[in-house]
């Protein structure tokens, strides 16, 4: 789940994410934005 997004990511875009772990701290990663294969309400529950 993503919280406090400033804008909606667009398909094909790369986004930088900061993962926060209790013991090992923060880790920055990049992820590709892809179109969901599911439609409607199901797309929110994977």
N, C-alpha and C. Protein backbone atom coordinates (compact mmCIF):
# COMPACT_ATOMS: atom_id res chain seq x y z
N UNK A 1 0.85 -1.17 0.00
CA UNK A 1 0.00 0.00 0.00
C UNK A 1 0.90 1.23 0.00
N UNK A 2 0.48 2.23 -0.75
CA UNK A 2 1.21 3.48 -0.79
C UNK A 2 0.40 4.54 -0.07
N UNK A 3 1.08 5.32 0.76
CA UNK A 3 0.42 6.34 1.58
C UNK A 3 0.98 7.71 1.23
N UNK A 4 0.10 8.70 1.22
CA UNK A 4 0.49 10.10 1.00
C UNK A 4 1.15 10.35 -0.35
N UNK A 5 0.61 9.74 -1.42
CA UNK A 5 1.14 10.00 -2.75
C UNK A 5 0.79 11.43 -3.16
N UNK A 6 1.74 12.13 -3.73
CA UNK A 6 1.50 13.49 -4.18
C UNK A 6 0.87 13.51 -5.57
N UNK A 7 1.11 12.45 -6.35
CA UNK A 7 0.49 12.33 -7.66
C UNK A 7 0.35 10.85 -8.01
N UNK A 8 -0.57 10.55 -8.92
CA UNK A 8 -0.80 9.17 -9.33
C UNK A 8 0.32 8.73 -10.27
N UNK A 9 0.99 7.61 -9.98
CA UNK A 9 2.04 7.13 -10.87
C UNK A 9 1.45 6.73 -12.23
N UNK A 10 2.23 6.93 -13.30
CA UNK A 10 1.78 6.60 -14.65
C UNK A 10 2.51 5.36 -15.15
N UNK A 11 1.79 4.53 -15.91
CA UNK A 11 2.38 3.32 -16.47
C UNK A 11 3.65 3.66 -17.25
N UNK A 12 4.70 2.86 -17.04
CA UNK A 12 5.97 3.07 -17.72
C UNK A 12 6.95 3.93 -16.94
N UNK A 13 6.46 4.60 -15.93
CA UNK A 13 7.28 5.47 -15.09
C UNK A 13 8.07 4.64 -14.08
N UNK A 14 9.22 5.15 -13.66
CA UNK A 14 9.97 4.55 -12.55
C UNK A 14 9.74 5.43 -11.33
N UNK A 15 9.50 4.80 -10.19
CA UNK A 15 9.30 5.56 -8.96
C UNK A 15 10.30 5.11 -7.92
N UNK A 16 10.74 6.06 -7.10
CA UNK A 16 11.65 5.72 -6.01
C UNK A 16 10.83 5.51 -4.75
N UNK A 17 11.08 4.41 -4.08
CA UNK A 17 10.36 4.06 -2.85
C UNK A 17 11.36 3.98 -1.70
N UNK A 18 10.91 4.35 -0.53
CA UNK A 18 11.74 4.19 0.66
C UNK A 18 11.04 3.17 1.56
N UNK A 19 11.69 2.03 1.72
CA UNK A 19 11.17 0.97 2.60
C UNK A 19 11.76 1.19 3.98
N UNK A 20 10.92 1.14 4.99
CA UNK A 20 11.40 1.37 6.36
C UNK A 20 11.30 0.07 7.16
N UNK A 21 12.44 -0.38 7.65
CA UNK A 21 12.51 -1.61 8.42
C UNK A 21 12.87 -1.29 9.87
N UNK A 22 12.28 -2.03 10.77
CA UNK A 22 12.47 -1.78 12.20
C UNK A 22 13.94 -1.89 12.62
N UNK A 23 14.64 -2.94 12.16
CA UNK A 23 16.00 -3.16 12.62
C UNK A 23 17.07 -2.66 11.66
N UNK A 24 16.81 -2.71 10.37
CA UNK A 24 17.86 -2.32 9.42
C UNK A 24 17.68 -0.92 8.83
N UNK A 25 16.66 -0.20 9.28
CA UNK A 25 16.48 1.18 8.85
C UNK A 25 15.83 1.31 7.48
N UNK A 26 16.19 2.39 6.76
CA UNK A 26 15.57 2.70 5.48
C UNK A 26 16.39 2.15 4.32
N UNK A 27 15.67 1.66 3.30
CA UNK A 27 16.29 1.18 2.07
C UNK A 27 15.54 1.82 0.91
N UNK A 28 16.27 2.50 0.02
CA UNK A 28 15.64 3.13 -1.14
C UNK A 28 15.73 2.18 -2.33
N UNK A 29 14.61 2.01 -3.03
CA UNK A 29 14.56 1.14 -4.21
C UNK A 29 13.80 1.86 -5.32
N UNK A 30 14.00 1.41 -6.56
CA UNK A 30 13.24 1.92 -7.68
C UNK A 30 12.34 0.81 -8.19
N UNK A 31 11.14 1.20 -8.62
CA UNK A 31 10.17 0.22 -9.14
C UNK A 31 9.54 0.76 -10.41
N UNK A 32 9.27 -0.15 -11.35
CA UNK A 32 8.58 0.21 -12.57
C UNK A 32 7.08 0.21 -12.30
N UNK A 33 6.36 1.20 -12.83
CA UNK A 33 4.91 1.26 -12.69
C UNK A 33 4.31 0.47 -13.85
N UNK A 34 3.49 -0.53 -13.51
CA UNK A 34 2.85 -1.36 -14.52
C UNK A 34 1.35 -1.32 -14.35
N UNK A 35 0.65 -1.53 -15.43
CA UNK A 35 -0.81 -1.54 -15.42
C UNK A 35 -1.29 -2.80 -14.71
N UNK A 36 -2.29 -2.66 -13.86
CA UNK A 36 -2.87 -3.79 -13.16
C UNK A 36 -3.62 -4.67 -14.14
N UNK A 37 -3.50 -5.98 -13.96
CA UNK A 37 -4.23 -6.91 -14.82
C UNK A 37 -5.66 -7.10 -14.33
N UNK A 38 -5.93 -6.74 -13.09
CA UNK A 38 -7.27 -6.89 -12.53
C UNK A 38 -8.05 -5.61 -12.71
N UNK A 39 -9.36 -5.71 -12.75
CA UNK A 39 -10.21 -4.54 -12.94
C UNK A 39 -11.12 -4.34 -11.73
N UNK A 40 -11.57 -3.11 -11.56
CA UNK A 40 -12.55 -2.79 -10.53
C UNK A 40 -12.06 -3.02 -9.12
N UNK A 41 -12.97 -3.42 -8.26
CA UNK A 41 -12.70 -3.60 -6.82
C UNK A 41 -11.61 -4.64 -6.58
N UNK A 42 -11.54 -5.66 -7.40
CA UNK A 42 -10.55 -6.73 -7.25
C UNK A 42 -9.11 -6.21 -7.34
N UNK A 43 -8.90 -5.15 -8.10
CA UNK A 43 -7.55 -4.60 -8.29
C UNK A 43 -6.96 -4.11 -6.98
N UNK A 44 -7.79 -3.78 -6.00
CA UNK A 44 -7.31 -3.27 -4.72
C UNK A 44 -7.00 -4.36 -3.71
N UNK A 45 -7.33 -5.62 -4.02
CA UNK A 45 -7.15 -6.72 -3.07
C UNK A 45 -6.36 -7.83 -3.74
N UNK A 46 -5.05 -7.78 -3.60
CA UNK A 46 -4.21 -8.82 -4.20
C UNK A 46 -3.77 -9.79 -3.17
